[in-house]
Amino acid sequence: MTSAKEQEAIRKLMVFLQEWDSAHKVARSHILNNFIRSNDGKTEPELEVEFSQGASLFLARLTAWLRMTYMYSTCLNKLLKSIGIFLSAAGGHRYIIEFLDIGGVLILLEILGLNHLKEEDKRDSVKLLQLIANAGRKYKELICESYGVQSVAKFLATSNSAEVQADVQVLLDSLGHGNPKYQNQVYKGLIAVLSCDSPRAQQLALQTLVVMQDTVGEAPSILVEPVLSLLCSVHPEVQNEATQLLKALMARRVRPALLKGLVALLTPPEEQGLTFCAQTATDSTTHCLREPVLVYIQQAAAAKAIGLLAKESADVAEELIQMKVVHGLMVAVGNLDHADSQRHASSSLQYFVHTFPLVEESIKAALGPTLFQCFMDSPETWYTKMDLVQAEELASSIADIPTDMTRVQS
């Protein structure tokens, strides 16, 4: 038989649940406020004491109301925070199971795709998905089986909040590890994010791809084009992360395609190379300066990445030379319209000249003694003294390097 104290506790629980059942929106909002204030951070045993071993009865009511009202944002923020108290409770694994039994994952994923809901509500939904994913492999699989990767990746690409995007990255990183059945799905979902319009989302997707690379192993060929395309980003942080991913991919089978693509970016199509002020069409007396366009930004980033990759691996450097990287770098150095292209290409060219004697001989023959001596004396600034004729000659020069060259490092 239960004691009088236990009977009183049960009576209070029943009164509380009846109060919830009969309450309207405003009253339920107050109940949720009190619950969050009094129970945040509690463990499963503490919650059970609070609810006289009937905490699951209140959780069931919360999830039922969520299922009925999430489309209309009725106290959604407070509802999700309250459910989060249960799902995050130490020792409260059964609460997660109870939440999943009513289709909790599908509701959370649907919330991410509802445009009329607030970003903060969607962030709370992401945090609950994190708690579920961190509960173990089978829960990560459940999220992925519910088309979770597509929903979460799309939300990363479209969110306007850097803080929310950071939380989404944590969730995708969790889904990408300890989840062998679906890790490739997560990897491809991140690749899809690279083509979005959000620089922050691109940066976070690149970071997560780098972290996942060792786990995934070989990279799909569909990764080549989007990674190279991000080198034209006007955001340095995106360029830097793209370069880090390039480094991670040098041990994979996509290396030749990536290197070939990088070398090609050094010589952009001439018709894409310049853009002019709109004034030119209406006022022929106005002298409009040439402005660098995205292909020049991409050219400079490619020249920088080539130098970094070559310095890390002699094998990569040799492959680049066979792909005629030296000529491409000279084209970039001769680009008087974009100083960054000249600077990065000159730095990379310096490495090849100092490391490979045959390259040095070929460059000297292509530049001529005077220009070559300027390059050797001051590789950081020689291109600033170059006139238009020299630049055109440099861009049209062909460095003749034997295909059977032998590497001799300095």
Protein backbone atom coordinates (compact mmCIF):
# COMPACT_ATOMS: atom_id res chain seq x y z
CA MET A 1 0.00 0.00 0.00
CA THR A 2 1.12 3.51 -0.71
CA SER A 3 1.80 5.88 2.12
CA ALA A 4 -0.18 9.01 2.76
CA LYS A 5 2.75 11.08 1.48
CA GLU A 6 2.87 9.14 -1.78
CA GLN A 7 -0.89 9.44 -2.20
CA GLU A 8 -0.68 13.19 -1.72
CA ALA A 9 2.10 13.42 -4.34
CA ILE A 10 0.02 11.43 -6.82
CA ARG A 11 -2.99 13.64 -6.11
CA LYS A 12 -0.93 16.76 -6.84
CA LEU A 13 0.31 15.22 -10.10
CA MET A 14 -3.24 14.44 -11.21
CA VAL A 15 -4.34 17.98 -10.35
CA PHE A 16 -1.42 19.38 -12.37
CA LEU A 17 -2.21 17.20 -15.38
CA GLN A 18 -5.91 18.10 -15.23
CA GLU A 19 -4.95 21.76 -15.05
CA TRP A 20 -2.83 21.31 -18.20
CA ASP A 21 -5.56 19.40 -20.01
CA SER A 22 -8.16 22.08 -19.35
CA ALA A 23 -5.90 25.09 -19.90
CA HIS A 24 -5.93 27.30 -22.98
CA LYS A 25 -2.91 28.76 -24.75
CA VAL A 26 -2.13 31.56 -22.28
CA ALA A 27 -2.44 29.32 -19.23
CA ARG A 28 -0.32 26.61 -20.82
CA SER A 29 2.31 29.21 -21.65
CA HIS A 30 2.52 30.10 -17.95
CA ILE A 31 2.78 26.43 -17.02
CA LEU A 32 5.66 25.99 -19.46
CA ASN A 33 7.43 29.07 -18.10
CA ASN A 34 7.25 27.67 -14.58
CA PHE A 35 8.39 24.23 -15.73
CA ILE A 36 11.43 25.61 -17.57
CA ARG A 37 12.39 27.87 -14.68
CA SER A 38 12.12 25.09 -12.08
CA ASN A 39 13.49 22.07 -13.95
CA ASP A 40 16.18 23.15 -16.39
CA GLY A 41 19.24 20.92 -15.96
CA LYS A 42 17.56 18.28 -13.82
CA THR A 43 18.40 14.58 -14.14
CA GLU A 44 15.92 11.81 -14.85
CA PRO A 45 15.61 10.81 -11.16
CA GLU A 46 15.05 14.44 -10.18
CA LEU A 47 12.33 14.87 -12.80
CA GLU A 48 10.64 11.71 -11.61
CA VAL A 49 10.65 12.97 -8.04
CA GLU A 50 9.19 16.26 -9.24
CA PHE A 51 6.36 14.42 -11.01
CA SER A 52 5.86 11.60 -8.50
CA GLN A 53 7.29 9.02 -10.93
CA GLY A 54 4.93 10.31 -13.64
CA ALA A 55 7.19 12.64 -15.65
CA SER A 56 6.45 10.66 -18.81
CA LEU A 57 2.77 11.62 -18.49
CA PHE A 58 3.68 15.29 -18.80
CA LEU A 59 6.17 14.61 -21.63
CA ALA A 60 3.40 12.79 -23.51
CA ARG A 61 1.17 15.83 -23.22
CA LEU A 62 3.95 18.14 -24.40
CA THR A 63 4.67 16.02 -27.45
CA ALA A 64 0.97 15.66 -28.27
CA TRP A 65 0.50 19.44 -28.17
CA LEU A 66 3.64 19.89 -30.28
CA ARG A 67 2.28 17.51 -32.88
CA MET A 68 -0.99 19.43 -33.06
CA THR A 69 0.36 22.99 -33.04
CA TYR A 70 3.90 23.17 -34.48
CA MET A 71 2.57 24.39 -37.84
CA TYR A 72 1.09 27.46 -36.12
CA SER A 73 3.96 28.39 -33.81
CA THR A 74 1.77 28.11 -30.71
CA CYS A 75 4.23 28.51 -27.79
CA LEU A 76 6.66 26.60 -30.02
CA ASN A 77 9.78 28.01 -28.42
CA LYS A 78 8.64 27.12 -24.89
CA LEU A 79 7.41 23.70 -26.00
CA LEU A 80 10.73 22.78 -27.58
CA LYS A 81 12.70 24.03 -24.58
CA SER A 82 10.48 22.01 -22.24
CA ILE A 83 10.90 18.85 -24.29
CA GLY A 84 14.62 19.57 -24.36
CA ILE A 85 14.71 19.38 -20.55
CA PHE A 86 13.50 15.79 -20.80
CA LEU A 87 15.72 14.76 -23.72
CA SER A 88 18.84 16.25 -22.14
CA ALA A 89 18.23 14.85 -18.66
CA ALA A 90 21.09 12.66 -17.48
CA GLY A 91 19.89 9.07 -17.34
CA GLY A 92 16.77 9.99 -19.29
CA HIS A 93 17.29 7.77 -22.32
CA ARG A 94 13.73 6.50 -22.07
CA TYR A 95 12.45 10.04 -22.61
CA ILE A 96 14.16 10.06 -26.02
CA ILE A 97 12.49 6.77 -26.91
CA GLU A 98 9.11 8.07 -25.81
CA PHE A 99 9.57 11.22 -27.91
CA LEU A 100 10.56 9.21 -30.97
CA ASP A 101 7.56 6.91 -30.58
CA ILE A 102 5.22 9.77 -31.43
CA GLY A 103 7.21 10.74 -34.54
CA GLY A 104 9.31 13.38 -32.86
CA VAL A 105 12.11 13.30 -35.44
CA LEU A 106 9.78 13.94 -38.37
CA ILE A 107 8.19 16.89 -36.54
CA LEU A 108 11.58 18.44 -35.79
CA LEU A 109 12.69 18.05 -39.41
CA GLU A 110 9.45 19.54 -40.69
CA ILE A 111 9.96 22.57 -38.46
CA LEU A 112 13.25 23.27 -40.24
CA GLY A 113 11.47 23.57 -43.56
CA LEU A 114 8.64 25.90 -42.51
CA ASN A 115 9.48 29.36 -43.81
CA HIS A 116 7.03 31.21 -41.54
CA LEU A 117 8.64 29.97 -38.33
CA LYS A 118 11.28 31.95 -36.45
CA GLU A 119 14.98 31.08 -36.73
CA GLU A 120 15.14 30.69 -32.95
CA ASP A 121 12.43 28.03 -33.04
CA LYS A 122 14.31 26.18 -35.75
CA ARG A 123 17.49 26.46 -33.71
CA ASP A 124 15.75 24.77 -30.77
CA SER A 125 14.64 22.04 -33.15
CA VAL A 126 18.25 21.53 -34.27
CA LYS A 127 19.38 21.28 -30.65
CA LEU A 128 16.83 18.53 -29.99
CA LEU A 129 18.05 16.68 -33.07
CA GLN A 130 21.58 16.98 -31.69
CA LEU A 131 20.46 15.35 -28.43
CA ILE A 132 18.83 12.50 -30.36
CA ALA A 133 21.85 12.00 -32.65
CA ASN A 134 24.21 11.96 -29.67
CA ALA A 135 22.19 9.16 -28.07
CA GLY A 136 23.76 6.58 -30.39
CA ARG A 137 24.19 5.14 -33.85
CA LYS A 138 20.65 3.83 -34.28
CA TYR A 139 19.28 7.29 -33.57
CA LYS A 140 21.58 8.86 -36.16
CA GLU A 141 20.35 6.27 -38.63
CA LEU A 142 16.74 7.10 -37.76
CA ILE A 143 17.34 10.79 -38.54
CA CYS A 144 19.00 9.92 -41.86
CA GLU A 145 16.26 7.45 -42.78
CA SER A 146 13.74 10.27 -42.25
CA TYR A 147 15.46 12.33 -45.00
CA GLY A 148 17.14 14.28 -42.24
CA VAL A 149 20.38 14.97 -44.09
CA GLN A 150 18.58 16.75 -46.92
CA SER A 151 16.46 18.81 -44.50
CA VAL A 152 19.36 19.78 -42.27
CA ALA A 153 21.73 20.58 -45.17
CA LYS A 154 19.08 22.74 -46.83
CA PHE A 155 18.53 24.59 -43.57
CA LEU A 156 22.27 25.22 -43.27
CA ALA A 157 22.28 26.70 -46.77
CA THR A 158 19.28 28.96 -46.22
CA SER A 159 19.62 30.10 -42.61
CA ASN A 160 20.40 33.78 -42.06
CA SER A 161 21.89 33.34 -38.59
CA ALA A 162 25.56 32.52 -38.05
CA GLU A 163 24.78 31.11 -34.60
CA VAL A 164 22.09 28.83 -35.98
CA GLN A 165 24.37 27.69 -38.80
CA ALA A 166 27.05 26.80 -36.26
CA ASP A 167 24.55 24.57 -34.43
CA VAL A 168 23.57 22.92 -37.71
CA GLN A 169 27.24 22.21 -38.45
CA VAL A 170 27.54 20.43 -35.08
CA LEU A 171 24.53 18.28 -35.98
CA LEU A 172 25.88 17.37 -39.43
CA ASP A 173 29.28 16.58 -37.93
CA SER A 174 27.58 14.25 -35.44
CA LEU A 175 25.59 12.54 -38.19
CA GLY A 176 28.79 12.11 -40.21
CA HIS A 177 30.66 10.22 -37.49
CA GLY A 178 29.84 6.88 -35.91
CA ASN A 179 27.27 6.38 -38.64
CA PRO A 180 28.92 4.23 -41.35
CA LYS A 181 25.66 3.33 -43.07
CA TYR A 182 24.88 6.96 -43.88
CA GLN A 183 28.21 8.82 -43.68
CA ASN A 184 28.44 9.07 -47.48
CA GLN A 185 24.95 10.55 -47.55
CA VAL A 186 26.06 13.21 -45.08
CA TYR A 187 29.21 13.84 -47.13
CA LYS A 188 27.22 14.37 -50.33
CA GLY A 189 24.76 16.56 -48.47
CA LEU A 190 27.63 18.83 -47.47
CA ILE A 191 28.86 18.92 -51.07
CA ALA A 192 25.40 20.15 -52.11
CA VAL A 193 25.73 23.05 -49.65
CA LEU A 194 28.86 24.31 -51.44
CA SER A 195 26.78 25.69 -54.32
CA CYS A 196 24.51 27.80 -52.08
CA ASP A 197 24.63 31.59 -51.77
CA SER A 198 25.66 31.75 -48.11
CA PRO A 199 29.44 32.24 -47.56
CA ARG A 200 29.09 31.18 -43.93
CA ALA A 201 27.31 27.96 -44.92
CA GLN A 202 29.99 27.28 -47.53
CA GLN A 203 32.73 27.79 -44.96
CA LEU A 204 31.12 25.47 -42.41
CA ALA A 205 30.40 22.80 -45.03
CA LEU A 206 34.04 22.89 -46.17
CA GLN A 207 35.28 22.59 -42.58
CA THR A 208 33.06 19.57 -41.96
CA LEU A 209 34.13 17.91 -45.21
CA VAL A 210 37.78 18.26 -44.17
CA VAL A 211 37.05 16.65 -40.80
CA MET A 212 35.09 13.83 -42.45
CA GLN A 213 37.63 13.13 -45.21
CA ASP A 214 39.70 10.53 -43.36
CA THR A 215 36.56 8.69 -42.32
CA VAL A 216 35.00 8.71 -45.78
CA GLY A 217 38.18 7.78 -47.65
CA GLU A 218 37.88 8.34 -51.38
CA ALA A 219 36.06 11.45 -52.51
CA PRO A 220 33.50 11.41 -55.34
CA SER A 221 34.33 13.16 -58.60
CA ILE A 222 31.32 15.45 -58.11
CA LEU A 223 33.35 17.27 -55.46
CA VAL A 224 35.93 18.62 -57.94
CA GLU A 225 33.90 21.35 -59.62
CA PRO A 226 32.28 22.92 -56.52
CA VAL A 227 35.56 23.06 -54.60
CA LEU A 228 37.39 24.74 -57.47
CA SER A 229 34.46 27.10 -57.98
CA LEU A 230 34.76 28.35 -54.41
CA LEU A 231 38.23 29.67 -55.17
CA CYS A 232 36.46 32.59 -56.88
CA SER A 233 34.72 33.53 -53.64
CA VAL A 234 35.28 37.13 -52.58
CA HIS A 235 35.34 35.89 -48.98
CA PRO A 236 38.89 34.94 -47.86
CA GLU A 237 37.60 32.54 -45.20
CA VAL A 238 35.81 30.50 -47.88
CA GLN A 239 38.92 30.46 -50.09
CA ASN A 240 41.05 29.33 -47.15
CA GLU A 241 38.72 26.48 -46.24
CA ALA A 242 38.56 25.38 -49.89
CA THR A 243 42.37 25.26 -49.93
CA GLN A 244 42.38 23.17 -46.74
CA LEU A 245 40.02 20.68 -48.40
CA LEU A 246 42.27 20.59 -51.46
CA LYS A 247 45.15 19.62 -49.18
CA ALA A 248 43.09 16.83 -47.63
CA LEU A 249 42.20 15.50 -51.08
CA MET A 250 45.76 15.24 -52.38
CA ALA A 251 45.97 11.64 -51.11
CA ARG A 252 42.79 10.64 -52.99
CA ARG A 253 42.05 9.54 -56.53
CA VAL A 254 40.54 12.91 -57.41
CA ARG A 255 43.99 14.53 -57.15
CA PRO A 256 44.77 14.58 -60.90
CA ALA A 257 41.42 16.17 -61.71
CA LEU A 258 41.87 18.80 -59.00
CA LEU A 259 45.41 19.66 -60.10
CA LYS A 260 44.36 19.85 -63.75
CA GLY A 261 41.52 22.16 -62.76
CA LEU A 262 43.81 24.40 -60.72
CA VAL A 263 46.25 24.78 -63.60
CA ALA A 264 43.39 25.60 -65.98
CA LEU A 265 42.24 28.41 -63.66
CA LEU A 266 45.59 30.16 -64.14
CA THR A 267 44.65 30.94 -67.73
CA PRO A 268 41.07 32.26 -67.73
CA PRO A 269 39.27 32.74 -71.05
CA GLU A 270 40.20 36.17 -72.38
CA GLU A 271 36.60 37.23 -72.96
CA GLN A 272 35.85 36.69 -69.26
CA GLY A 273 38.91 38.49 -68.03
CA LEU A 274 37.73 42.07 -67.98
CA THR A 275 34.65 44.03 -67.07
CA PHE A 276 34.11 47.67 -67.80
CA CYS A 277 32.17 50.49 -66.20
CA ALA A 278 28.68 51.06 -67.54
CA GLN A 279 29.68 54.67 -68.22
CA THR A 280 31.81 53.60 -71.17
CA ALA A 281 28.77 52.89 -73.28
CA THR A 282 27.35 56.39 -72.80
CA ASP A 283 30.43 58.56 -72.45
CA SER A 284 33.32 57.76 -74.74
CA THR A 285 35.49 60.44 -73.10
CA THR A 286 35.41 58.69 -69.74
CA HIS A 287 38.41 56.48 -69.11
CA CYS A 288 37.21 53.48 -67.19
CA LEU A 289 39.74 51.41 -65.28
CA ARG A 290 39.65 47.67 -65.79
CA GLU A 291 38.21 45.91 -62.79
CA PRO A 292 39.01 42.34 -61.76
CA VAL A 293 36.14 39.92 -62.06
CA LEU A 294 35.62 36.56 -60.42
CA VAL A 295 37.93 34.74 -62.83
CA TYR A 296 40.81 36.93 -61.65
CA ILE A 297 39.99 36.25 -58.00
CA GLN A 298 39.88 32.55 -58.88
CA GLN A 299 43.18 32.84 -60.77
CA ALA A 300 44.90 34.39 -57.75
CA ALA A 301 43.48 31.80 -55.37
CA ALA A 302 44.54 28.98 -57.68
CA ALA A 303 48.07 30.37 -57.90
CA LYS A 304 48.25 30.54 -54.10
CA ALA A 305 46.84 27.03 -53.64
CA ILE A 306 49.27 25.61 -56.19
CA GLY A 307 52.23 26.96 -54.24
CA LEU A 308 50.93 25.55 -50.96
CA LEU A 309 50.22 22.11 -52.45
CA ALA A 310 53.57 21.94 -54.25
CA LYS A 311 55.50 22.83 -51.10
CA GLU A 312 53.78 20.03 -49.17
CA SER A 313 54.53 17.28 -51.70
CA ALA A 314 57.32 16.88 -54.25
CA ASP A 315 55.15 14.37 -56.12
CA VAL A 316 52.37 16.94 -56.44
CA ALA A 317 54.90 19.53 -57.60
CA GLU A 318 56.17 17.20 -60.33
CA GLU A 319 52.64 16.41 -61.48
CA LEU A 320 51.89 20.12 -61.71
CA ILE A 321 54.98 20.71 -63.81
CA GLN A 322 53.90 18.00 -66.22
CA MET A 323 50.54 19.77 -66.45
CA LYS A 324 52.36 22.94 -67.61
CA VAL A 325 51.79 24.84 -64.39
CA VAL A 326 54.86 26.99 -65.06
CA HIS A 327 53.29 28.52 -68.15
CA GLY A 328 50.05 29.12 -66.26
CA LEU A 329 51.90 30.89 -63.46
CA MET A 330 53.65 33.14 -65.96
CA VAL A 331 50.26 34.04 -67.44
CA ALA A 332 49.06 34.99 -63.96
CA VAL A 333 52.21 37.02 -63.24
CA GLY A 334 51.57 38.92 -66.47
CA ASN A 335 48.06 39.91 -65.39
CA LEU A 336 48.52 43.64 -64.83
CA ASP A 337 44.84 43.99 -63.98
CA HIS A 338 45.02 42.00 -60.77
CA ALA A 339 47.95 42.44 -58.38
CA ASP A 340 46.92 39.45 -56.23
CA SER A 341 47.30 37.15 -59.23
CA GLN A 342 50.77 38.51 -59.85
CA ARG A 343 51.80 38.28 -56.20
CA HIS A 344 50.64 34.71 -55.56
CA ALA A 345 51.82 33.44 -58.93
CA SER A 346 55.25 34.99 -58.43
CA SER A 347 55.56 33.37 -55.00
CA SER A 348 54.61 29.94 -56.37
CA LEU A 349 56.89 30.36 -59.38
CA GLN A 350 59.75 31.19 -57.05
CA TYR A 351 59.33 27.81 -55.32
CA PHE A 352 59.42 25.86 -58.58
CA VAL A 353 62.49 27.77 -59.80
CA HIS A 354 64.42 27.27 -56.57
CA THR A 355 63.45 23.59 -56.25
CA PHE A 356 63.78 22.31 -59.82
CA PRO A 357 66.93 23.28 -61.76
CA LEU A 358 65.30 22.38 -65.07
CA VAL A 359 62.48 24.78 -64.33
CA GLU A 360 65.01 27.48 -63.53
CA GLU A 361 66.73 26.94 -66.88
CA SER A 362 63.46 27.01 -68.76
CA ILE A 363 62.21 30.14 -66.99
CA LYS A 364 65.49 31.93 -67.66
CA ALA A 365 65.22 31.09 -71.35
CA ALA A 366 61.59 32.21 -71.47
CA LEU A 367 62.06 35.51 -69.58
CA GLY A 368 65.38 36.57 -70.93
CA PRO A 369 68.38 37.49 -68.77
CA THR A 370 67.20 40.96 -67.69
CA LEU A 371 63.69 40.05 -66.55
CA PHE A 372 64.92 36.79 -65.03
CA GLN A 373 67.52 38.65 -62.96
CA CYS A 374 64.82 41.01 -61.67
CA PHE A 375 62.79 37.97 -60.67
CA MET A 376 65.73 36.35 -58.86
CA ASP A 377 66.75 39.57 -57.10
CA SER A 378 63.28 40.51 -55.86
CA PRO A 379 60.61 37.83 -56.42
CA GLU A 380 58.20 39.66 -54.09
CA THR A 381 58.13 42.90 -56.08
CA TRP A 382 59.64 42.33 -59.56
CA TYR A 383 56.23 42.19 -61.25
CA THR A 384 55.42 45.76 -60.08
CA LYS A 385 58.14 47.08 -62.41
CA MET A 386 56.81 45.20 -65.42
CA ASP A 387 55.44 47.21 -68.34
CA LEU A 388 52.62 46.15 -70.67
CA VAL A 389 54.93 44.78 -73.35
CA GLN A 390 56.84 42.65 -70.86
CA ALA A 391 53.59 41.40 -69.34
CA GLU A 392 52.26 40.36 -72.76
CA GLU A 393 55.55 38.65 -73.59
CA LEU A 394 55.46 36.83 -70.26
CA ALA A 395 51.91 35.62 -70.78
CA SER A 396 52.74 34.32 -74.23
CA SER A 397 56.04 32.67 -73.25
CA ILE A 398 56.23 28.91 -73.26
CA ALA A 399 58.56 27.28 -70.76
CA ASP A 400 59.94 24.17 -72.41
CA ILE A 401 60.37 21.61 -69.62
CA PRO A 402 61.22 18.00 -70.52
CA THR A 403 58.53 15.49 -69.62
CA ASP A 404 61.14 13.10 -68.22
CA MET A 405 62.65 15.73 -65.90
CA THR A 406 64.31 14.48 -62.74
CA ARG A 407 63.51 16.20 -59.48
CA VAL A 408 66.41 17.88 -57.69
CA GLN A 409 65.31 19.68 -54.57
CA SER A 410 67.27 22.50 -53.04
